[in-house]
């Protein structure tokens, strides 16, 4: 799980493998595979870094495509 900050300042945890897409408009909207949308304060780069760190932590970073 990675932590994200909701617009109200609360920390929320999401499964990064369930994120389908991210869109800045101007706040960052995460669209989950379920169709649920989560609006967060984090930047796209911050979310990507958190996902990469998480994947390294659980040992699947060698599957990353660069």
Protein backbone atom coordinates (compact mmCIF):
# COMPACT_ATOMS: atom_id res chain seq x y z
CA UNK A 1 0.00 0.00 0.00
CA UNK A 2 1.10 3.58 -0.59
CA UNK A 3 -0.04 6.64 1.28
CA UNK A 4 -1.69 9.55 -0.52
CA UNK A 5 -3.03 12.80 0.89
CA UNK A 6 -6.66 13.65 0.26
CA UNK A 7 -7.63 17.27 -0.36
CA UNK A 8 -8.81 17.58 3.26
CA UNK A 9 -5.28 16.72 4.45
CA UNK A 10 -6.09 13.20 5.64
CA UNK A 11 -3.74 10.36 4.76
CA UNK A 12 -5.34 7.56 2.75
CA UNK A 13 -3.78 4.24 1.76
CA UNK A 14 -4.28 2.71 -1.68
CA UNK A 15 -3.09 -0.44 -3.39
CA UNK A 16 -0.84 0.86 -6.17
CA UNK A 17 -1.59 -2.19 -8.31
CA UNK A 18 -5.21 -1.06 -8.49
CA UNK A 19 -4.44 2.37 -10.00
CA UNK A 20 -5.54 2.41 -13.61
CA UNK A 21 -4.63 6.00 -14.48
CA UNK A 22 -3.72 9.43 -13.12
CA UNK A 23 -4.94 12.77 -14.45
CA UNK A 24 -4.02 16.31 -13.39
CA UNK A 25 -6.97 18.67 -13.74
CA UNK A 26 -5.54 20.68 -11.75
CA UNK A 27 -5.67 18.37 -8.72
CA UNK A 28 -4.43 14.84 -9.28
CA UNK A 29 -7.23 12.32 -9.82
CA UNK A 30 -6.41 8.64 -9.42
CA UNK A 31 -8.78 6.32 -11.27
CA UNK A 32 -8.84 2.88 -9.74
CA UNK A 33 -9.57 -0.35 -11.64
CA UNK A 34 -12.97 -0.42 -9.93
CA UNK A 35 -13.82 2.92 -11.54
CA UNK A 36 -13.62 4.81 -8.24
CA UNK A 37 -11.88 8.17 -8.47
CA UNK A 38 -9.70 9.56 -5.68
CA UNK A 39 -8.56 13.20 -5.75
CA UNK A 40 -5.24 13.76 -3.99
CA UNK A 41 -2.79 16.56 -3.20
CA UNK A 42 0.24 14.53 -4.29
CA UNK A 43 2.01 15.25 -7.55
CA UNK A 44 2.15 12.62 -10.30
CA UNK A 45 5.94 12.31 -9.82
CA UNK A 46 5.48 11.73 -6.09
CA UNK A 47 2.94 8.95 -6.72
CA UNK A 48 5.19 7.32 -9.31
CA UNK A 49 8.15 7.43 -6.90
CA UNK A 50 6.00 5.86 -4.15
CA UNK A 51 4.89 3.09 -6.51
CA UNK A 52 8.49 2.33 -7.57
CA UNK A 53 9.66 2.31 -3.93
CA UNK A 54 6.78 0.00 -2.99
CA UNK A 55 7.55 -2.39 -5.84
CA UNK A 56 11.23 -2.50 -4.82
CA UNK A 57 10.22 -3.16 -1.21
CA UNK A 58 8.13 -6.19 -2.16
CA UNK A 59 10.74 -7.46 -4.62
CA UNK A 60 9.07 -6.99 -7.98
CA UNK A 61 11.12 -4.01 -9.17
CA UNK A 62 12.91 -6.15 -11.78
CA UNK A 63 9.66 -6.14 -13.77
CA UNK A 64 9.85 -2.37 -14.32
CA UNK A 65 10.13 -1.27 -17.94
CA UNK A 66 12.49 1.65 -18.43
